[in-house]
């Protein structure tokens, strides 16, 4: 699976929280954010979600 870069746009409070949580884990904020996102996606991408995504036209599945 290829890696795809992306940019997060966070509010000041979200950025502050990200830095604090990352510091608690002794990780750079970028690494912590990627780990949290990966865990969320793993749990959120259920078979039902996958079926709904497959049922949509291809152009809807490729949105950035």
PDB file of N, CA and C in Angstrom:
ATOM      1  N   UNK A   1       0.843  -1.171   0.000  1.00  0.00           N
ATOM      2  CA  UNK A   1       0.000   0.000   0.000  1.00  0.00           C
ATOM      3  C   UNK A   1       0.893   1.240   0.000  1.00  0.00           C
ATOM      4  N   UNK A   2       0.720   2.120  -0.953  1.00  0.00           N
ATOM      5  CA  UNK A   2       1.565   3.325  -1.000  1.00  0.00           C
ATOM      6  C   UNK A   2       1.201   4.288   0.133  1.00  0.00           C
ATOM      7  N   UNK A   3       2.195   5.042   0.534  1.00  0.00           N
ATOM      8  CA  UNK A   3       1.970   6.062   1.558  1.00  0.00           C
ATOM      9  C   UNK A   3       1.500   7.332   0.875  1.00  0.00           C
ATOM     10  N   UNK A   4       0.526   7.979   1.458  1.00  0.00           N
ATOM     11  CA  UNK A   4       0.001   9.211   0.892  1.00  0.00           C
ATOM     12  C   UNK A   4       0.116  10.325   1.922  1.00  0.00           C
ATOM     13  N   UNK A   5       0.821  11.406   1.587  1.00  0.00           N
ATOM     14  CA  UNK A   5       0.933  12.518   2.529  1.00  0.00           C
ATOM     15  C   UNK A   5      -0.392  13.266   2.644  1.00  0.00           C
ATOM     16  N   UNK A   6      -0.619  13.864   3.791  1.00  0.00           N
ATOM     17  CA  UNK A   6      -1.804  14.688   3.977  1.00  0.00           C
ATOM     18  C   UNK A   6      -1.476  15.762   5.002  1.00  0.00           C
ATOM     19  N   UNK A   7      -2.280  16.786   5.033  1.00  0.00           N
ATOM     20  CA  UNK A   7      -2.091  17.899   5.952  1.00  0.00           C
ATOM     21  C   UNK A   7      -3.313  18.022   6.849  1.00  0.00           C
ATOM     22  N   UNK A   8      -3.074  18.170   8.128  1.00  0.00           N
ATOM     23  CA  UNK A   8      -4.166  18.410   9.067  1.00  0.00           C
ATOM     24  C   UNK A   8      -4.264  19.903   9.326  1.00  0.00           C
ATOM     25  N   UNK A   9      -5.470  20.414   9.330  1.00  0.00           N
ATOM     26  CA  UNK A   9      -5.695  21.799   9.721  1.00  0.00           C
ATOM     27  C   UNK A   9      -6.376  21.761  11.075  1.00  0.00           C
ATOM     28  N   UNK A  10      -5.649  22.166  12.101  1.00  0.00           N
ATOM     29  CA  UNK A  10      -6.138  22.092  13.463  1.00  0.00           C
ATOM     30  C   UNK A  10      -6.399  23.481  14.017  1.00  0.00           C
ATOM     31  N   UNK A  11      -7.349  23.555  14.920  1.00  0.00           N
ATOM     32  CA  UNK A  11      -7.546  24.798  15.661  1.00  0.00           C
ATOM     33  C   UNK A  11      -6.376  24.922  16.637  1.00  0.00           C
ATOM     34  N   UNK A  12      -6.233  26.089  17.224  1.00  0.00           N
ATOM     35  CA  UNK A  12      -5.160  26.301  18.195  1.00  0.00           C
ATOM     36  C   UNK A  12      -5.304  25.321  19.364  1.00  0.00           C
ATOM     37  N   UNK A  13      -6.511  25.111  19.809  1.00  0.00           N
ATOM     38  CA  UNK A  13      -6.743  24.188  20.932  1.00  0.00           C
ATOM     39  C   UNK A  13      -6.415  22.749  20.542  1.00  0.00           C
ATOM     40  N   UNK A  14      -6.788  22.350  19.334  1.00  0.00           N
ATOM     41  CA  UNK A  14      -6.470  20.998  18.881  1.00  0.00           C
ATOM     42  C   UNK A  14      -4.957  20.805  18.773  1.00  0.00           C
ATOM     43  N   UNK A  15      -4.262  21.805  18.251  1.00  0.00           N
ATOM     44  CA  UNK A  15      -2.803  21.721  18.126  1.00  0.00           C
ATOM     45  C   UNK A  15      -2.151  21.649  19.505  1.00  0.00           C
ATOM     46  N   UNK A  16      -2.669  22.416  20.451  1.00  0.00           N
ATOM     47  CA  UNK A  16      -2.150  22.384  21.812  1.00  0.00           C
ATOM     48  C   UNK A  16      -2.351  20.996  22.424  1.00  0.00           C
ATOM     49  N   UNK A  17      -3.528  20.436  22.230  1.00  0.00           N
ATOM     50  CA  UNK A  17      -3.824  19.097  22.750  1.00  0.00           C
ATOM     51  C   UNK A  17      -2.915  18.060  22.098  1.00  0.00           C
ATOM     52  N   UNK A  18      -2.741  18.157  20.795  1.00  0.00           N
ATOM     53  CA  UNK A  18      -1.876  17.210  20.083  1.00  0.00           C
ATOM     54  C   UNK A  18      -0.461  17.261  20.634  1.00  0.00           C
ATOM     55  N   UNK A  19       0.077  18.457  20.803  1.00  0.00           N
ATOM     56  CA  UNK A  19       1.445  18.583  21.334  1.00  0.00           C
ATOM     57  C   UNK A  19       1.545  17.998  22.750  1.00  0.00           C
ATOM     58  N   UNK A  20       0.558  18.284  23.597  1.00  0.00           N
ATOM     59  CA  UNK A  20       0.582  17.790  24.979  1.00  0.00           C
ATOM     60  C   UNK A  20       0.482  16.266  25.024  1.00  0.00           C
ATOM     61  N   UNK A  21      -0.440  15.702  24.253  1.00  0.00           N
ATOM     62  CA  UNK A  21      -0.611  14.247  24.241  1.00  0.00           C
ATOM     63  C   UNK A  21       0.618  13.550  23.665  1.00  0.00           C
ATOM     64  N   UNK A  22       1.189  14.119  22.618  1.00  0.00           N
ATOM     65  CA  UNK A  22       2.398  13.546  22.021  1.00  0.00           C
ATOM     66  C   UNK A  22       3.554  13.587  23.010  1.00  0.00           C
ATOM     67  N   UNK A  23       3.683  14.691  23.727  1.00  0.00           N
ATOM     68  CA  UNK A  23       4.753  14.824  24.720  1.00  0.00           C
ATOM     69  C   UNK A  23       4.593  13.757  25.810  1.00  0.00           C
ATOM     70  N   UNK A  24       3.353  13.514  26.229  1.00  0.00           N
ATOM     71  CA  UNK A  24       3.103  12.476  27.240  1.00  0.00           C
ATOM     72  C   UNK A  24       3.550  11.091  26.769  1.00  0.00           C
ATOM     73  N   UNK A  25       3.498  10.864  25.478  1.00  0.00           N
ATOM     74  CA  UNK A  25       3.901   9.567  24.907  1.00  0.00           C
ATOM     75  C   UNK A  25       5.350   9.572  24.417  1.00  0.00           C
ATOM     76  N   UNK A  26       6.054  10.690  24.619  1.00  0.00           N
ATOM     77  CA  UNK A  26       7.438  10.845  24.141  1.00  0.00           C
ATOM     78  C   UNK A  26       7.557  10.617  22.637  1.00  0.00           C
ATOM     79  N   UNK A  27       6.593  11.178  21.906  1.00  0.00           N
ATOM     80  CA  UNK A  27       6.590  11.060  20.448  1.00  0.00           C
ATOM     81  C   UNK A  27       6.515  12.451  19.823  1.00  0.00           C
ATOM     82  N   UNK A  28       7.043  12.588  18.595  1.00  0.00           N
ATOM     83  CA  UNK A  28       6.811  13.834  17.866  1.00  0.00           C
ATOM     84  C   UNK A  28       5.312  13.955  17.563  1.00  0.00           C
ATOM     85  N   UNK A  29       4.776  15.175  17.525  1.00  0.00           N
ATOM     86  CA  UNK A  29       3.344  15.336  17.259  1.00  0.00           C
ATOM     87  C   UNK A  29       2.885  14.662  15.969  1.00  0.00           C
ATOM     88  N   UNK A  30       3.732  14.688  14.945  1.00  0.00           N
ATOM     89  CA  UNK A  30       3.359  14.087  13.667  1.00  0.00           C
ATOM     90  C   UNK A  30       3.171  12.581  13.801  1.00  0.00           C
ATOM     91  N   UNK A  31       4.036  11.944  14.564  1.00  0.00           N
ATOM     92  CA  UNK A  31       3.958  10.497  14.757  1.00  0.00           C
ATOM     93  C   UNK A  31       2.736  10.158  15.602  1.00  0.00           C
ATOM     94  N   UNK A  32       2.535  10.921  16.667  1.00  0.00           N
ATOM     95  CA  UNK A  32       1.379  10.669  17.527  1.00  0.00           C
ATOM     96  C   UNK A  32       0.082  10.822  16.734  1.00  0.00           C
ATOM     97  N   UNK A  33      -0.021  11.885  15.940  1.00  0.00           N
ATOM     98  CA  UNK A  33      -1.234  12.119  15.146  1.00  0.00           C
ATOM     99  C   UNK A  33      -1.465  10.965  14.168  1.00  0.00           C
ATOM    100  N   UNK A  34      -0.406  10.496  13.537  1.00  0.00           N
ATOM    101  CA  UNK A  34      -0.544   9.384  12.588  1.00  0.00           C
ATOM    102  C   UNK A  34      -0.996   8.112  13.297  1.00  0.00           C
ATOM    103  N   UNK A  35      -0.448   7.849  14.484  1.00  0.00           N
ATOM    104  CA  UNK A  35      -0.853   6.652  15.221  1.00  0.00           C
ATOM    105  C   UNK A  35      -2.317   6.724  15.656  1.00  0.00           C
ATOM    106  N   UNK A  36      -2.743   7.880  16.136  1.00  0.00           N
ATOM    107  CA  UNK A  36      -4.137   8.043  16.561  1.00  0.00           C
ATOM    108  C   UNK A  36      -5.074   7.883  15.373  1.00  0.00           C
ATOM    109  N   UNK A  37      -4.716   8.497  14.249  1.00  0.00           N
ATOM    110  CA  UNK A  37      -5.551   8.385  13.049  1.00  0.00           C
ATOM    111  C   UNK A  37      -5.623   6.939  12.572  1.00  0.00           C
ATOM    112  N   UNK A  38      -4.487   6.261  12.543  1.00  0.00           N
ATOM    113  CA  UNK A  38      -4.476   4.862  12.095  1.00  0.00           C
ATOM    114  C   UNK A  38      -5.344   3.984  12.985  1.00  0.00           C
ATOM    115  N   UNK A  39      -5.258   4.182  14.301  1.00  0.00           N
ATOM    116  CA  UNK A  39      -6.085   3.394  15.222  1.00  0.00           C
ATOM    117  C   UNK A  39      -7.564   3.689  15.015  1.00  0.00           C
ATOM    118  N   UNK A  40      -7.890   4.963  14.835  1.00  0.00           N
ATOM    119  CA  UNK A  40      -9.292   5.322  14.617  1.00  0.00           C
ATOM    120  C   UNK A  40      -9.818   4.681  13.333  1.00  0.00           C
ATOM    121  N   UNK A  41      -9.052   4.788  12.259  1.00  0.00           N
ATOM    122  CA  UNK A  41      -9.490   4.219  10.989  1.00  0.00           C
ATOM    123  C   UNK A  41      -9.651   2.705  11.090  1.00  0.00           C
ATOM    124  N   UNK A  42      -8.741   2.054  11.790  1.00  0.00           N
ATOM    125  CA  UNK A  42      -8.824   0.603  11.949  1.00  0.00           C
ATOM    126  C   UNK A  42     -10.148   0.201  12.591  1.00  0.00           C
ATOM    127  N   UNK A  43     -10.542   0.935  13.626  1.00  0.00           N
ATOM    128  CA  UNK A  43     -11.770   0.590  14.348  1.00  0.00           C
ATOM    129  C   UNK A  43     -13.030   1.113  13.658  1.00  0.00           C
ATOM    130  N   UNK A  44     -12.916   2.216  12.945  1.00  0.00           N
ATOM    131  CA  UNK A  44     -14.094   2.828  12.319  1.00  0.00           C
ATOM    132  C   UNK A  44     -14.463   2.171  10.986  1.00  0.00           C
ATOM    133  N   UNK A  45     -13.490   1.568  10.308  1.00  0.00           N
ATOM    134  CA  UNK A  45     -13.744   1.002   8.983  1.00  0.00           C
ATOM    135  C   UNK A  45     -14.313  -0.407   9.130  1.00  0.00           C
ATOM    136  N   UNK A  46     -15.570  -0.453   9.454  1.00  0.00           N
ATOM    137  CA  UNK A  46     -16.267  -1.725   9.672  1.00  0.00           C
ATOM    138  C   UNK A  46     -16.696  -2.316   8.323  1.00  0.00           C
ATOM    139  N   UNK A  47     -17.087  -3.576   8.305  1.00  0.00           N
ATOM    140  CA  UNK A  47     -17.581  -4.168   7.057  1.00  0.00           C
ATOM    141  C   UNK A  47     -18.776  -3.388   6.487  1.00  0.00           C
ATOM    142  N   UNK A  48     -19.633  -2.857   7.353  1.00  0.00           N
ATOM    143  CA  UNK A  48     -20.772  -2.069   6.882  1.00  0.00           C
ATOM    144  C   UNK A  48     -20.316  -0.800   6.170  1.00  0.00           C
ATOM    145  N   UNK A  49     -19.330  -0.133   6.721  1.00  0.00           N
ATOM    146  CA  UNK A  49     -18.788   1.072   6.089  1.00  0.00           C
ATOM    147  C   UNK A  49     -18.164   0.709   4.736  1.00  0.00           C
ATOM    148  N   UNK A  50     -17.436  -0.388   4.693  1.00  0.00           N
ATOM    149  CA  UNK A  50     -16.811  -0.827   3.440  1.00  0.00           C
ATOM    150  C   UNK A  50     -17.865  -1.113   2.378  1.00  0.00           C
ATOM    151  N   UNK A  51     -18.958  -1.766   2.770  1.00  0.00           N
ATOM    152  CA  UNK A  51     -20.034  -2.057   1.802  1.00  0.00           C
ATOM    153  C   UNK A  51     -20.655  -0.765   1.268  1.00  0.00           C
ATOM    154  N   UNK A  52     -20.912   0.185   2.164  1.00  0.00           N
ATOM    155  CA  UNK A  52     -21.489   1.464   1.712  1.00  0.00           C
ATOM    156  C   UNK A  52     -20.543   2.195   0.765  1.00  0.00           C
ATOM    157  N   UNK A  53     -19.253   2.155   1.062  1.00  0.00           N
ATOM    158  CA  UNK A  53     -18.271   2.821   0.201  1.00  0.00           C
ATOM    159  C   UNK A  53     -18.228   2.162  -1.170  1.00  0.00           C
ATOM    160  N   UNK A  54     -18.293   0.847  -1.196  1.00  0.00           N
ATOM    161  CA  UNK A  54     -18.265   0.120  -2.470  1.00  0.00           C
ATOM    162  C   UNK A  54     -19.524   0.371  -3.286  1.00  0.00           C
ATOM    163  N   UNK A  55     -20.627   0.659  -2.642  1.00  0.00           N
ATOM    164  CA  UNK A  55     -21.893   0.880  -3.340  1.00  0.00           C
ATOM    165  C   UNK A  55     -21.951   2.241  -4.024  1.00  0.00           C
ATOM    166  N   UNK A  56     -21.075   3.142  -3.643  1.00  0.00           N
ATOM    167  CA  UNK A  56     -21.058   4.484  -4.238  1.00  0.00           C
ATOM    168  C   UNK A  56     -20.291   4.466  -5.554  1.00  0.00           C
ATOM    169  N   UNK A  57     -20.590   5.426  -6.424  1.00  0.00           N
ATOM    170  CA  UNK A  57     -19.814   5.525  -7.680  1.00  0.00           C
ATOM    171  C   UNK A  57     -18.338   5.767  -7.378  1.00  0.00           C
ATOM    172  N   UNK A  58     -17.470   5.309  -8.283  1.00  0.00           N
ATOM    173  CA  UNK A  58     -16.027   5.407  -8.077  1.00  0.00           C
ATOM    174  C   UNK A  58     -15.544   6.813  -7.810  1.00  0.00           C
ATOM    175  N   UNK A  59     -16.123   7.827  -8.459  1.00  0.00           N
ATOM    176  CA  UNK A  59     -15.623   9.199  -8.263  1.00  0.00           C
ATOM    177  C   UNK A  59     -15.831   9.662  -6.814  1.00  0.00           C
ATOM    178  N   UNK A  60     -16.798   9.105  -6.089  1.00  0.00           N
ATOM    179  CA  UNK A  60     -16.987   9.461  -4.685  1.00  0.00           C
ATOM    180  C   UNK A  60     -15.952   8.791  -3.788  1.00  0.00           C
ATOM    181  N   UNK A  61     -15.408   7.660  -4.212  1.00  0.00           N
ATOM    182  CA  UNK A  61     -14.431   6.936  -3.393  1.00  0.00           C
ATOM    183  C   UNK A  61     -13.035   7.549  -3.492  1.00  0.00           C
ATOM    184  N   UNK A  62     -12.802   8.420  -4.454  1.00  0.00           N
ATOM    185  CA  UNK A  62     -11.458   8.966  -4.680  1.00  0.00           C
ATOM    186  C   UNK A  62     -11.293  10.386  -4.141  1.00  0.00           C
ATOM    187  N   UNK A  63     -12.264  10.878  -3.399  1.00  0.00           N
ATOM    188  CA  UNK A  63     -12.137  12.245  -2.883  1.00  0.00           C
ATOM    189  C   UNK A  63     -10.965  12.369  -1.938  1.00  0.00           C
ATOM    190  N   UNK A  64     -10.242  13.501  -2.048  1.00  0.00           N
ATOM    191  CA  UNK A  64      -9.098  13.719  -1.131  1.00  0.00           C
ATOM    192  C   UNK A  64      -9.566  13.986   0.277  1.00  0.00           C
TER     193      UNK A  64
END
